[in-house]
Amino acid sequence: MWMGITEYLFRNPVMLDEAINAALYRKEIRADDMEFVTCARGWAESVSLGSMEGYQKRFEETADFFKDQFAESTLVGNRMISMISKNISQK
């Protein structure tokens, strides 16, 4: 049975506490978080208005904003999925 990353996080009290603390207190990640939230709202608005051209333009602008972080985030994501898979298979 595969468990999603969010479900895994919520089933692990230590990791959940770390995630909550990071969200509340790690100020260095807030700018990127806010940029993503702003973009996600724009994507949703474009879709609700039926503007796939607007959606694509907004998505490409967001991708451009985060382009320098893709390589690092891929490595972090792969490590995270590997750790979760390892821990689930041990249970």
N, C-alpha and C. Protein backbone atom coordinates (compact mmCIF):
# COMPACT_ATOMS: atom_id res chain seq x y z
N MET A 1 0.84 -1.19 0.00
CA MET A 1 0.00 0.00 0.00
C MET A 1 0.88 1.24 0.00
N TRP A 2 0.65 2.15 -0.92
CA TRP A 2 1.42 3.39 -0.98
C TRP A 2 0.74 4.46 -0.14
N MET A 3 1.54 5.13 0.64
CA MET A 3 1.04 6.22 1.48
C MET A 3 1.59 7.52 0.90
N GLY A 4 0.75 8.51 0.71
CA GLY A 4 1.20 9.79 0.20
C GLY A 4 2.08 10.52 1.21
N ILE A 5 2.82 11.48 0.71
CA ILE A 5 3.75 12.24 1.55
C ILE A 5 3.01 12.95 2.68
N THR A 6 1.88 13.55 2.38
CA THR A 6 1.13 14.26 3.41
C THR A 6 0.62 13.29 4.48
N GLU A 7 0.09 12.15 4.04
CA GLU A 7 -0.40 11.16 5.00
C GLU A 7 0.75 10.65 5.87
N TYR A 8 1.89 10.40 5.24
CA TYR A 8 3.06 9.94 5.99
C TYR A 8 3.46 10.96 7.05
N LEU A 9 3.47 12.22 6.66
CA LEU A 9 3.83 13.30 7.58
C LEU A 9 2.88 13.34 8.77
N PHE A 10 1.58 13.24 8.51
CA PHE A 10 0.60 13.32 9.59
C PHE A 10 0.61 12.09 10.49
N ARG A 11 1.13 10.99 10.01
CA ARG A 11 1.20 9.78 10.85
C ARG A 11 2.49 9.71 11.66
N ASN A 12 3.38 10.67 11.45
CA ASN A 12 4.65 10.69 12.17
C ASN A 12 4.68 11.96 13.03
N PRO A 13 4.37 11.87 14.31
CA PRO A 13 4.26 13.07 15.16
C PRO A 13 5.52 13.93 15.19
N VAL A 14 6.70 13.31 15.16
CA VAL A 14 7.94 14.08 15.19
C VAL A 14 8.08 14.91 13.92
N MET A 15 7.86 14.27 12.77
CA MET A 15 7.97 14.98 11.49
C MET A 15 6.89 16.05 11.35
N LEU A 16 5.68 15.75 11.82
CA LEU A 16 4.61 16.74 11.75
C LEU A 16 4.97 17.96 12.58
N ASP A 17 5.50 17.75 13.77
CA ASP A 17 5.92 18.86 14.63
C ASP A 17 7.01 19.68 13.96
N GLU A 18 7.97 19.01 13.32
CA GLU A 18 9.05 19.72 12.62
C GLU A 18 8.49 20.55 11.46
N ALA A 19 7.53 19.99 10.73
CA ALA A 19 6.93 20.71 9.60
C ALA A 19 6.16 21.94 10.09
N ILE A 20 5.42 21.77 11.16
CA ILE A 20 4.66 22.91 11.72
C ILE A 20 5.62 23.99 12.19
N ASN A 21 6.67 23.60 12.89
CA ASN A 21 7.65 24.59 13.36
C ASN A 21 8.33 25.29 12.19
N ALA A 22 8.65 24.56 11.14
CA ALA A 22 9.26 25.18 9.97
C ALA A 22 8.31 26.20 9.36
N ALA A 23 7.04 25.82 9.22
CA ALA A 23 6.05 26.73 8.64
C ALA A 23 5.88 27.99 9.49
N LEU A 24 5.96 27.84 10.79
CA LEU A 24 5.76 28.99 11.68
C LEU A 24 6.99 29.86 11.86
N TYR A 25 8.17 29.25 11.87
CA TYR A 25 9.35 29.99 12.32
C TYR A 25 10.49 30.14 11.31
N ARG A 26 10.51 29.38 10.23
CA ARG A 26 11.61 29.50 9.26
C ARG A 26 11.30 30.61 8.27
N LYS A 27 11.76 31.80 8.59
CA LYS A 27 11.44 32.97 7.77
C LYS A 27 12.08 32.93 6.39
N GLU A 28 13.19 32.20 6.24
CA GLU A 28 13.87 32.19 4.94
C GLU A 28 13.07 31.48 3.85
N ILE A 29 12.06 30.70 4.21
CA ILE A 29 11.26 30.01 3.19
C ILE A 29 9.95 30.74 2.88
N ARG A 30 9.65 31.78 3.60
CA ARG A 30 8.36 32.45 3.44
C ARG A 30 8.18 33.11 2.09
N ALA A 31 9.21 33.72 1.55
CA ALA A 31 9.07 34.41 0.26
C ALA A 31 8.67 33.42 -0.83
N ASP A 32 9.33 32.27 -0.87
CA ASP A 32 8.99 31.26 -1.88
C ASP A 32 7.60 30.69 -1.64
N ASP A 33 7.25 30.46 -0.38
CA ASP A 33 5.91 29.97 -0.06
C ASP A 33 4.84 30.95 -0.54
N MET A 34 5.05 32.22 -0.25
CA MET A 34 4.07 33.23 -0.65
C MET A 34 4.00 33.35 -2.17
N GLU A 35 5.13 33.25 -2.84
CA GLU A 35 5.13 33.30 -4.31
C GLU A 35 4.31 32.15 -4.87
N PHE A 36 4.49 30.97 -4.32
CA PHE A 36 3.75 29.80 -4.80
C PHE A 36 2.25 29.96 -4.54
N VAL A 37 1.88 30.42 -3.36
CA VAL A 37 0.46 30.61 -3.02
C VAL A 37 -0.16 31.63 -3.97
N THR A 38 0.53 32.71 -4.21
CA THR A 38 0.03 33.74 -5.12
C THR A 38 -0.18 33.17 -6.52
N CYS A 39 0.80 32.39 -6.97
CA CYS A 39 0.69 31.79 -8.30
C CYS A 39 -0.44 30.77 -8.38
N ALA A 40 -0.58 29.96 -7.35
CA ALA A 40 -1.65 28.96 -7.35
C ALA A 40 -3.01 29.63 -7.41
N ARG A 41 -3.16 30.74 -6.74
CA ARG A 41 -4.43 31.48 -6.80
C ARG A 41 -4.67 32.01 -8.20
N GLY A 42 -3.60 32.49 -8.82
CA GLY A 42 -3.72 32.96 -10.20
C GLY A 42 -4.09 31.85 -11.16
N TRP A 43 -3.48 30.67 -10.97
CA TRP A 43 -3.83 29.53 -11.83
C TRP A 43 -5.30 29.19 -11.67
N ALA A 44 -5.76 29.11 -10.43
CA ALA A 44 -7.16 28.77 -10.16
C ALA A 44 -8.10 29.80 -10.78
N GLU A 45 -7.74 31.06 -10.68
CA GLU A 45 -8.57 32.11 -11.27
C GLU A 45 -8.63 31.96 -12.79
N SER A 46 -7.49 31.71 -13.41
CA SER A 46 -7.46 31.53 -14.86
C SER A 46 -8.34 30.37 -15.30
N VAL A 47 -8.25 29.26 -14.57
CA VAL A 47 -9.06 28.08 -14.91
C VAL A 47 -10.54 28.39 -14.72
N SER A 48 -10.89 29.04 -13.61
CA SER A 48 -12.31 29.33 -13.34
C SER A 48 -12.89 30.28 -14.39
N LEU A 49 -12.04 31.11 -14.99
CA LEU A 49 -12.49 32.03 -16.04
C LEU A 49 -12.43 31.38 -17.42
N GLY A 50 -11.94 30.15 -17.47
CA GLY A 50 -11.84 29.44 -18.74
C GLY A 50 -10.70 29.92 -19.62
N SER A 51 -9.71 30.54 -19.01
CA SER A 51 -8.60 31.09 -19.78
C SER A 51 -7.37 30.20 -19.68
N MET A 52 -7.30 29.22 -20.56
CA MET A 52 -6.13 28.34 -20.55
C MET A 52 -4.88 29.10 -21.01
N GLU A 53 -5.06 30.12 -21.84
CA GLU A 53 -3.92 30.96 -22.24
C GLU A 53 -3.37 31.70 -21.02
N GLY A 54 -4.26 32.22 -20.19
CA GLY A 54 -3.84 32.89 -18.96
C GLY A 54 -3.16 31.93 -18.00
N TYR A 55 -3.73 30.72 -17.91
CA TYR A 55 -3.14 29.68 -17.05
C TYR A 55 -1.72 29.36 -17.51
N GLN A 56 -1.55 29.14 -18.80
CA GLN A 56 -0.24 28.80 -19.33
C GLN A 56 0.75 29.93 -19.08
N LYS A 57 0.33 31.17 -19.32
CA LYS A 57 1.23 32.32 -19.10
C LYS A 57 1.64 32.41 -17.63
N ARG A 58 0.69 32.26 -16.73
CA ARG A 58 1.00 32.31 -15.30
C ARG A 58 1.91 31.15 -14.89
N PHE A 59 1.63 29.95 -15.42
CA PHE A 59 2.45 28.78 -15.09
C PHE A 59 3.88 28.99 -15.56
N GLU A 60 4.07 29.48 -16.75
CA GLU A 60 5.42 29.71 -17.28
C GLU A 60 6.16 30.79 -16.48
N GLU A 61 5.45 31.81 -16.05
CA GLU A 61 6.07 32.85 -15.20
C GLU A 61 6.51 32.25 -13.86
N THR A 62 5.70 31.38 -13.30
CA THR A 62 6.04 30.72 -12.04
C THR A 62 7.25 29.81 -12.22
N ALA A 63 7.24 29.04 -13.29
CA ALA A 63 8.36 28.14 -13.58
C ALA A 63 9.64 28.95 -13.73
N ASP A 64 9.56 30.11 -14.38
CA ASP A 64 10.73 30.97 -14.54
C ASP A 64 11.23 31.47 -13.19
N PHE A 65 10.31 31.82 -12.29
CA PHE A 65 10.69 32.30 -10.96
C PHE A 65 11.47 31.23 -10.19
N PHE A 66 11.01 29.96 -10.29
CA PHE A 66 11.61 28.88 -9.52
C PHE A 66 12.71 28.12 -10.27
N LYS A 67 13.04 28.48 -11.52
CA LYS A 67 13.93 27.68 -12.35
C LYS A 67 15.29 27.41 -11.71
N ASP A 68 15.82 28.35 -10.97
CA ASP A 68 17.13 28.15 -10.34
C ASP A 68 17.08 27.17 -9.17
N GLN A 69 15.88 26.82 -8.72
CA GLN A 69 15.73 25.93 -7.57
C GLN A 69 15.32 24.51 -7.97
N PHE A 70 15.07 24.27 -9.25
CA PHE A 70 14.59 22.95 -9.68
C PHE A 70 15.56 21.83 -9.37
N ALA A 71 16.84 22.02 -9.65
CA ALA A 71 17.81 20.93 -9.45
C ALA A 71 17.88 20.53 -7.97
N GLU A 72 17.98 21.53 -7.10
CA GLU A 72 18.05 21.24 -5.66
C GLU A 72 16.75 20.61 -5.16
N SER A 73 15.62 21.14 -5.60
CA SER A 73 14.35 20.59 -5.12
C SER A 73 14.13 19.16 -5.62
N THR A 74 14.64 18.83 -6.79
CA THR A 74 14.55 17.46 -7.28
C THR A 74 15.34 16.52 -6.39
N LEU A 75 16.54 16.93 -6.00
CA LEU A 75 17.36 16.11 -5.10
C LEU A 75 16.69 15.92 -3.75
N VAL A 76 16.17 17.00 -3.19
CA VAL A 76 15.50 16.93 -1.90
C VAL A 76 14.25 16.04 -2.00
N GLY A 77 13.47 16.22 -3.05
CA GLY A 77 12.26 15.42 -3.24
C GLY A 77 12.58 13.93 -3.39
N ASN A 78 13.62 13.63 -4.15
CA ASN A 78 14.02 12.23 -4.32
C ASN A 78 14.47 11.61 -3.00
N ARG A 79 15.21 12.37 -2.20
CA ARG A 79 15.64 11.86 -0.88
C ARG A 79 14.44 11.64 0.03
N MET A 80 13.48 12.55 -0.03
CA MET A 80 12.30 12.45 0.81
C MET A 80 11.49 11.21 0.43
N ILE A 81 11.26 11.00 -0.84
CA ILE A 81 10.49 9.84 -1.30
C ILE A 81 11.24 8.55 -0.96
N SER A 82 12.56 8.55 -1.11
CA SER A 82 13.36 7.37 -0.77
C SER A 82 13.23 7.04 0.71
N MET A 83 13.31 8.06 1.56
CA MET A 83 13.21 7.85 3.00
C MET A 83 11.83 7.31 3.37
N ILE A 84 10.79 7.87 2.78
CA ILE A 84 9.43 7.41 3.08
C ILE A 84 9.26 5.97 2.62
N SER A 85 9.71 5.67 1.41
CA SER A 85 9.60 4.29 0.90
C SER A 85 10.33 3.31 1.79
N LYS A 86 11.51 3.69 2.22
CA LYS A 86 12.32 2.82 3.11
C LYS A 86 11.59 2.59 4.43
N ASN A 87 11.07 3.65 5.02
CA ASN A 87 10.39 3.54 6.31
C ASN A 87 9.09 2.76 6.21
N ILE A 88 8.38 2.89 5.11
CA ILE A 88 7.13 2.17 4.94
C ILE A 88 7.41 0.68 4.76
N SER A 89 8.45 0.35 4.01
CA SER A 89 8.76 -1.06 3.76
C SER A 89 9.26 -1.76 5.02
N GLN A 90 9.77 -1.00 6.00
CA GLN A 90 10.25 -1.58 7.24
C GLN A 90 9.12 -1.90 8.21
N LYS A 91 7.93 -1.34 7.96
CA LYS A 91 6.80 -1.54 8.89
C LYS A 91 6.06 -2.80 8.59
